[in-house]
N, C-alpha and C. Protein backbone atom coordinates (compact mmCIF):
# COMPACT_ATOMS: atom_id res chain seq x y z
N MET A 1 3.48 20.27 -23.62
CA MET A 1 4.29 20.22 -22.44
C MET A 1 4.99 18.79 -22.55
N TRP A 2 4.50 18.01 -23.05
CA TRP A 2 4.97 16.47 -23.48
C TRP A 2 6.36 16.84 -23.86
N LEU A 3 7.68 16.61 -23.97
CA LEU A 3 8.38 17.06 -24.39
C LEU A 3 8.86 15.61 -25.72
N GLY A 4 9.21 15.84 -26.89
CA GLY A 4 9.65 14.93 -27.59
C GLY A 4 8.28 13.97 -28.46
N MET A 5 6.97 14.59 -27.88
CA MET A 5 6.36 13.12 -28.57
C MET A 5 5.49 14.21 -29.57
N SER A 6 5.04 13.29 -30.61
CA SER A 6 4.29 14.22 -31.98
C SER A 6 2.77 14.30 -31.25
N ASP A 7 2.63 14.91 -32.09
CA ASP A 7 0.66 15.14 -31.68
C ASP A 7 0.07 13.67 -31.96
N ALA A 8 0.06 13.01 -32.91
CA ALA A 8 -0.63 11.55 -32.77
C ALA A 8 -0.23 10.80 -31.14
N GLU A 9 1.05 10.54 -31.54
CA GLU A 9 1.32 10.34 -30.01
C GLU A 9 0.77 10.82 -28.64
N LYS A 10 0.71 11.74 -28.18
CA LYS A 10 -0.05 12.12 -28.04
C LYS A 10 -1.35 11.85 -27.50
N GLN A 11 -1.91 11.93 -28.64
CA GLN A 11 -3.25 11.34 -28.65
C GLN A 11 -3.69 9.76 -28.44
N LYS A 12 -2.61 9.02 -28.63
CA LYS A 12 -2.88 7.73 -28.44
C LYS A 12 -2.39 7.63 -27.03
N VAL A 13 -2.09 8.30 -26.25
CA VAL A 13 -1.69 8.38 -24.44
C VAL A 13 -2.84 9.01 -24.04
N GLU A 14 -3.23 10.20 -24.45
CA GLU A 14 -4.40 10.72 -23.66
C GLU A 14 -5.12 9.75 -23.47
N SER A 15 -5.86 9.21 -24.76
CA SER A 15 -6.98 8.54 -24.83
C SER A 15 -7.34 6.71 -23.90
N GLN A 16 -6.08 6.78 -23.06
CA GLN A 16 -6.01 5.43 -22.38
C GLN A 16 -6.11 6.09 -20.65
N GLU A 17 -7.09 5.22 -20.46
CA GLU A 17 -7.15 5.12 -19.00
C GLU A 17 -6.76 3.76 -17.92
N ILE A 18 -5.38 4.07 -17.48
CA ILE A 18 -4.52 2.94 -17.15
C ILE A 18 -3.79 3.58 -16.09
N TRP A 19 -3.17 2.75 -15.49
CA TRP A 19 -2.45 3.33 -13.98
C TRP A 19 -0.97 3.07 -14.85
N VAL A 20 0.07 4.00 -14.72
CA VAL A 20 1.07 3.51 -15.08
C VAL A 20 2.30 4.10 -13.61
N ASP A 21 3.35 3.57 -13.80
CA ASP A 21 4.13 3.19 -12.96
C ASP A 21 5.18 4.64 -13.09
N LEU A 22 5.97 4.98 -11.67
CA LEU A 22 6.90 6.67 -11.82
C LEU A 22 7.85 6.67 -12.96
N TYR A 23 8.31 5.41 -13.34
CA TYR A 23 9.38 5.25 -14.51
C TYR A 23 8.24 6.16 -16.29
N GLU A 24 7.25 4.98 -16.12
CA GLU A 24 6.31 5.70 -17.12
C GLU A 24 5.69 7.26 -17.32
N ALA A 25 5.26 7.36 -16.26
CA ALA A 25 4.87 8.91 -16.35
C ALA A 25 5.72 9.81 -15.93
N ALA A 26 7.17 9.59 -15.44
CA ALA A 26 8.28 10.86 -16.02
C ALA A 26 8.13 10.59 -17.45
N GLU A 27 8.73 9.25 -18.65
CA GLU A 27 9.10 9.08 -19.68
C GLU A 27 7.56 10.27 -20.02
N ILE A 28 6.24 9.73 -20.23
CA ILE A 28 5.13 10.67 -20.60
C ILE A 28 5.45 12.16 -20.65
N THR A 29 5.37 12.71 -19.12
CA THR A 29 5.44 13.56 -19.18
C THR A 29 6.42 14.19 -19.05
N GLY A 30 7.78 14.21 -19.54
CA GLY A 30 8.94 14.50 -19.72
C GLY A 30 9.21 15.31 -18.41
N TYR A 31 8.55 14.71 -16.92
CA TYR A 31 9.56 14.97 -15.60
C TYR A 31 10.51 14.48 -15.45
N ASN A 32 11.39 14.73 -14.18
CA ASN A 32 13.00 13.97 -13.95
C ASN A 32 11.39 12.79 -13.21
N TYR A 33 12.34 11.51 -13.16
CA TYR A 33 12.00 10.15 -11.92
C TYR A 33 11.99 10.99 -10.83
N HIS A 34 12.93 11.66 -9.90
CA HIS A 34 12.63 12.19 -8.65
C HIS A 34 11.47 13.53 -8.24
N SER A 35 11.92 13.88 -9.23
CA SER A 35 10.45 14.98 -9.24
C SER A 35 9.24 14.85 -9.15
N MET A 36 9.39 13.60 -10.38
CA MET A 36 7.85 12.85 -9.78
C MET A 36 7.53 11.95 -8.32
N ARG A 37 8.54 11.36 -8.10
CA ARG A 37 8.51 10.41 -6.76
C ARG A 37 8.37 11.49 -5.66
N ARG A 38 9.41 12.63 -5.58
CA ARG A 38 8.35 13.64 -4.53
C ARG A 38 7.57 14.69 -4.53
N LEU A 39 6.76 14.89 -5.86
CA LEU A 39 5.20 15.33 -5.96
C LEU A 39 4.70 14.03 -5.38
N ILE A 40 4.68 12.79 -6.08
CA ILE A 40 3.95 11.51 -5.29
C ILE A 40 4.05 11.22 -3.87
N TYR A 41 5.26 11.57 -3.45
CA TYR A 41 5.10 11.14 -1.84
C TYR A 41 4.42 12.32 -0.93
N GLY A 42 4.60 13.20 -1.80
CA GLY A 42 3.73 14.63 -0.88
C GLY A 42 2.07 14.59 -0.82
N MET A 43 2.03 14.03 -2.53
CA MET A 43 0.59 13.65 -2.49
C MET A 43 0.19 12.68 -1.32
N GLY A 44 0.92 11.85 -1.15
CA GLY A 44 0.23 10.15 -0.72
C GLY A 44 0.01 11.06 0.97
N GLN A 45 0.55 12.15 1.30
CA GLN A 45 0.01 12.25 3.00
C GLN A 45 -1.08 13.34 2.92
N GLN A 46 -1.28 13.59 1.60
CA GLN A 46 -2.64 14.51 1.57
C GLN A 46 -4.32 13.42 1.86
N PRO A 47 -5.28 13.87 2.27
CA PRO A 47 -6.27 12.78 2.39
C PRO A 47 -7.13 12.50 0.88
N GLU A 48 -7.28 11.13 0.71
CA GLU A 48 -7.53 10.47 -0.70
C GLU A 48 -8.51 11.43 -1.74
N ASP A 49 -9.54 12.05 -0.83
CA ASP A 49 -10.06 12.82 -1.52
C ASP A 49 -9.94 14.34 -2.13
N GLU A 50 -8.39 14.68 -1.19
CA GLU A 50 -8.15 15.79 -1.85
C GLU A 50 -6.71 15.92 -3.02
N ARG A 51 -6.81 14.77 -3.37
CA ARG A 51 -5.54 14.58 -3.76
C ARG A 51 -5.75 14.59 -5.53
N ALA A 52 -4.90 15.56 -5.89
CA ALA A 52 -4.97 16.55 -7.44
C ALA A 52 -4.58 14.87 -8.96
N ILE A 53 -4.04 13.74 -7.96
CA ILE A 53 -4.13 12.83 -9.09
C ILE A 53 -4.38 11.57 -7.97
N LYS A 54 -4.62 10.44 -8.59
CA LYS A 54 -5.12 9.47 -8.13
C LYS A 54 -3.76 8.18 -7.94
N ILE A 55 -3.47 8.03 -7.02
CA ILE A 55 -2.36 7.11 -6.94
C ILE A 55 -2.76 6.01 -5.78
N ARG A 56 -2.13 5.02 -6.02
CA ARG A 56 -1.93 3.72 -5.62
C ARG A 56 -0.54 3.39 -5.29
N LYS A 57 -0.31 2.40 -3.64
CA LYS A 57 1.23 2.32 -3.49
C LYS A 57 0.87 0.77 -3.45
N ARG A 58 2.07 -0.09 -4.78
CA ARG A 58 2.17 -1.83 -4.59
C ARG A 58 3.12 -1.66 -3.61
N THR A 59 3.29 -3.26 -4.07
CA THR A 59 4.43 -3.71 -2.67
C THR A 59 5.58 -2.90 -3.15
N SER A 60 6.43 -2.42 -3.97
CA SER A 60 7.51 -1.51 -4.11
C SER A 60 7.62 -0.31 -5.19
N ARG A 61 6.17 -0.27 -5.23
CA ARG A 61 6.18 0.91 -6.43
C ARG A 61 4.70 2.06 -6.32
N TRP A 62 4.97 3.35 -6.96
CA TRP A 62 3.76 3.90 -6.66
C TRP A 62 3.21 3.88 -8.16
N GLU A 63 1.81 3.52 -8.28
CA GLU A 63 1.10 3.67 -9.83
C GLU A 63 0.53 4.84 -9.49
N LEU A 64 -0.12 5.30 -10.55
CA LEU A 64 -0.62 7.11 -11.23
C LEU A 64 -1.51 6.40 -11.77
N TRP A 65 -2.83 7.33 -11.72
CA TRP A 65 -4.09 7.44 -13.01
C TRP A 65 -3.56 8.41 -14.11
N LEU A 66 -3.06 7.45 -15.24
CA LEU A 66 -2.83 8.33 -16.12
C LEU A 66 -3.43 9.85 -16.64
N PRO A 67 -5.05 9.48 -16.82
CA PRO A 67 -5.65 10.71 -16.94
C PRO A 67 -5.85 12.06 -15.89
N ASP A 68 -5.50 11.39 -15.02
CA ASP A 68 -5.09 12.77 -13.85
C ASP A 68 -3.93 13.47 -13.71
N LEU A 69 -3.32 11.89 -14.07
CA LEU A 69 -1.80 12.91 -14.21
C LEU A 69 -1.91 13.90 -15.15
N LEU A 70 -2.27 13.54 -16.77
CA LEU A 70 -2.00 14.91 -17.70
C LEU A 70 -2.39 15.80 -17.56
N VAL A 71 -4.01 16.12 -16.98
CA VAL A 71 -4.62 16.78 -16.44
C VAL A 71 -3.85 17.83 -15.56
N TYR A 72 -2.99 17.35 -14.72
CA TYR A 72 -2.34 18.09 -13.69
C TYR A 72 -1.03 18.00 -14.24
N VAL A 73 -0.72 18.09 -15.31
CA VAL A 73 0.55 18.54 -15.51
C VAL A 73 0.47 19.72 -16.47
N ASP A 74 -0.86 19.43 -17.43
CA ASP A 74 -0.90 20.79 -18.23
C ASP A 74 -1.91 21.96 -17.73
N LYS A 75 -2.04 21.73 -16.05
CA LYS A 75 -2.43 23.30 -14.99
C LYS A 75 -1.28 23.70 -15.17
N PRO A 76 -1.59 25.41 -15.40
CA PRO A 76 -0.76 25.94 -15.27
C PRO A 76 -0.22 26.07 -13.23
N ARG A 77 0.69 26.38 -13.31
CA ARG A 77 1.13 26.34 -11.35
C ARG A 77 2.04 27.11 -11.88
N PRO A 78 2.74 28.04 -10.06
CA PRO A 78 3.92 29.01 -10.05
C PRO A 78 4.42 28.49 -10.35
N GLY A 79 6.39 28.72 -10.36
CA GLY A 79 7.49 27.93 -10.86
C GLY A 79 7.99 28.21 -9.41
N PRO A 80 9.44 27.65 -9.53
CA PRO A 80 10.28 27.75 -7.54
C PRO A 80 10.69 29.23 -8.30
N PRO A 81 10.76 30.04 -6.31
CA PRO A 81 11.29 31.13 -6.64
C PRO A 81 12.43 31.50 -6.85
N LEU A 82 12.27 32.99 -6.71
CA LEU A 82 13.30 33.47 -7.81
C LEU A 82 14.50 34.05 -6.65
N LYS A 83 15.67 33.35 -7.60
CA LYS A 83 16.72 33.66 -6.34
C LYS A 83 16.84 35.03 -6.65
N ARG A 84 17.34 35.58 -5.55
CA ARG A 84 17.55 36.89 -5.79
C ARG A 84 19.68 37.17 -5.52
N LYS A 85 19.81 38.11 -6.04
CA LYS A 85 21.22 38.55 -6.59
C LYS A 85 21.59 39.08 -5.07
N LYS A 86 22.84 38.74 -5.01
CA LYS A 86 23.39 39.64 -3.79
C LYS A 86 23.99 41.03 -3.75
N GLU A 87 23.49 41.88 -3.11
CA GLU A 87 24.47 42.96 -3.29
C GLU A 87 25.37 43.93 -2.61
């Protein structure tokens, strides 16, 4: 799922238990920065014990717990709704 990373790089990232900011999270996962931001803002509205990813707000940025983020990215989820053709 992680775009552009070799197996050695993935192992190195997986073994770290650190907080990463949104820019780093987007780079590691291959997601768009704005998609990550929208995801985290949505999770920020949930109670802390129900969140799939541990997050914390710093003065001007959000930080994500890397092990939770990697588990979340690897879980299968439904994609966007299909667009219907107009007939």
